[in-house]
Structures are given as C-alpha cells and as structure tokens.
Amino acid sequence: MEIKYKHLKTGNIYYLLRDDVINCTNANDHQTMVLYKRDGYPDLIFVREKEEFFEKFEKV
C-alpha cells in the first residue's frame, strides 16, 4: 500500500513506496533510505535518506 506525503516546500504530492531500503554504497553503507514517487509521474522514482525524508515531507 502506498502512503501519500506532501513535500513541505513545494506542496507536491508523493507516494512512499518503501521506507526500509538499505544504501550499499561505500560511503553510506547500511544507511536506511526511503523509496518514493511523485503523483502523476509513475515512472519517476526517488530515493532519499530516511531521516531527511521525514523532515521534508508530511503525511496527508
């Protein structure tokens, strides 16, 4: 189930797909990431550090 979030600065709507993605790059190994997509753009997928995501988005 996708959960709807609003970006606090732009007001754009996004859907949280997963909040348990693990970053495996050398510099940020094991950092937890959020996978999300913008409403109306089904093929455009974003990833952001989990803590930063919840600072910049609010659940709607």
C-alpha atoms as a PDB file:
ATOM      1  CA  MET A   1       0.000   0.000   0.000  1.00  0.00           C
ATOM      2  CA  GLU A   2       1.355   3.401  -0.966  1.00  0.00           C
ATOM      3  CA  ILE A   3       1.147   6.164   1.637  1.00  0.00           C
ATOM      4  CA  LYS A   4       0.617   9.752   0.452  1.00  0.00           C
ATOM      5  CA  TYR A   5       3.020  12.523   1.552  1.00  0.00           C
ATOM      6  CA  LYS A   6       3.247  16.230   0.726  1.00  0.00           C
ATOM      7  CA  HIS A   7       6.584  17.990   0.216  1.00  0.00           C
ATOM      8  CA  LEU A   8       6.600  20.862   2.720  1.00  0.00           C
ATOM      9  CA  LYS A   9       8.361  23.355   0.414  1.00  0.00           C
ATOM     10  CA  THR A  10       6.674  22.656  -2.941  1.00  0.00           C
ATOM     11  CA  GLY A  11       3.350  21.163  -1.878  1.00  0.00           C
ATOM     12  CA  ASN A  12       3.783  18.378  -4.440  1.00  0.00           C
ATOM     13  CA  ILE A  13       2.253  15.009  -3.564  1.00  0.00           C
ATOM     14  CA  TYR A  14       4.393  11.871  -3.405  1.00  0.00           C
ATOM     15  CA  TYR A  15       3.740   8.237  -2.555  1.00  0.00           C
ATOM     16  CA  LEU A  16       6.026   6.400  -0.175  1.00  0.00           C
ATOM     17  CA  LEU A  17       6.784   3.004  -1.678  1.00  0.00           C
ATOM     18  CA  ARG A  18       9.242   1.643   0.923  1.00  0.00           C
ATOM     19  CA  ASP A  19      10.960   3.052   3.994  1.00  0.00           C
ATOM     20  CA  ASP A  20      13.400   0.209   4.564  1.00  0.00           C
ATOM     21  CA  VAL A  21      15.747   0.434   1.570  1.00  0.00           C
ATOM     22  CA  ILE A  22      19.393  -0.118   2.507  1.00  0.00           C
ATOM     23  CA  ASN A  23      22.093   2.044   0.931  1.00  0.00           C
ATOM     24  CA  CYS A  24      25.035  -0.149  -0.072  1.00  0.00           C
ATOM     25  CA  THR A  25      27.425   2.487  -1.391  1.00  0.00           C
ATOM     26  CA  ASN A  26      30.803   2.545   0.327  1.00  0.00           C
ATOM     27  CA  ALA A  27      30.456   5.961   1.969  1.00  0.00           C
ATOM     28  CA  ASN A  28      26.953   5.338   3.351  1.00  0.00           C
ATOM     29  CA  ASP A  29      26.872   1.578   3.804  1.00  0.00           C
ATOM     30  CA  HIS A  30      23.740   0.387   5.658  1.00  0.00           C
ATOM     31  CA  GLN A  31      22.100   3.826   5.717  1.00  0.00           C
ATOM     32  CA  THR A  32      18.288   3.442   5.651  1.00  0.00           C
ATOM     33  CA  MET A  33      16.605   5.121   2.696  1.00  0.00           C
ATOM     34  CA  VAL A  34      13.052   5.885   1.546  1.00  0.00           C
ATOM     35  CA  LEU A  35      11.853   4.973  -1.949  1.00  0.00           C
ATOM     36  CA  TYR A  36       9.067   7.229  -3.255  1.00  0.00           C
ATOM     37  CA  LYS A  37       7.413   8.535  -6.411  1.00  0.00           C
ATOM     38  CA  ARG A  38       5.648  11.738  -7.414  1.00  0.00           C
ATOM     39  CA  ASP A  39       1.913  11.724  -8.047  1.00  0.00           C
ATOM     40  CA  GLY A  40       1.258  11.787 -11.789  1.00  0.00           C
ATOM     41  CA  TYR A  41       4.757  10.557 -12.700  1.00  0.00           C
ATOM     42  CA  PRO A  42       4.584   6.762 -12.234  1.00  0.00           C
ATOM     43  CA  ASP A  43       7.938   6.055 -13.913  1.00  0.00           C
ATOM     44  CA  LEU A  44       9.931   8.620 -11.909  1.00  0.00           C
ATOM     45  CA  ILE A  45      11.284   7.033  -8.705  1.00  0.00           C
ATOM     46  CA  PHE A  46      13.242   8.861  -5.992  1.00  0.00           C
ATOM     47  CA  VAL A  47      15.381   7.753  -3.062  1.00  0.00           C
ATOM     48  CA  ARG A  48      16.271   9.883  -0.033  1.00  0.00           C
ATOM     49  CA  GLU A  49      17.822   9.270   3.369  1.00  0.00           C
ATOM     50  CA  LYS A  50      15.008   8.286   5.750  1.00  0.00           C
ATOM     51  CA  GLU A  51      15.564  10.978   8.383  1.00  0.00           C
ATOM     52  CA  GLU A  52      15.750  13.713   5.736  1.00  0.00           C
ATOM     53  CA  PHE A  53      12.568  12.440   4.055  1.00  0.00           C
ATOM     54  CA  PHE A  54      10.540  12.757   7.242  1.00  0.00           C
ATOM     55  CA  GLU A  55      11.922  16.276   7.848  1.00  0.00           C
ATOM     56  CA  LYS A  56      10.854  17.500   4.385  1.00  0.00           C
ATOM     57  CA  PHE A  57       7.532  15.677   3.907  1.00  0.00           C
ATOM     58  CA  GLU A  58       4.314  15.354   5.890  1.00  0.00           C
ATOM     59  CA  LYS A  59       1.742  12.582   5.709  1.00  0.00           C
ATOM     60  CA  VAL A  60      -1.596  13.574   4.150  1.00  0.00           C
END
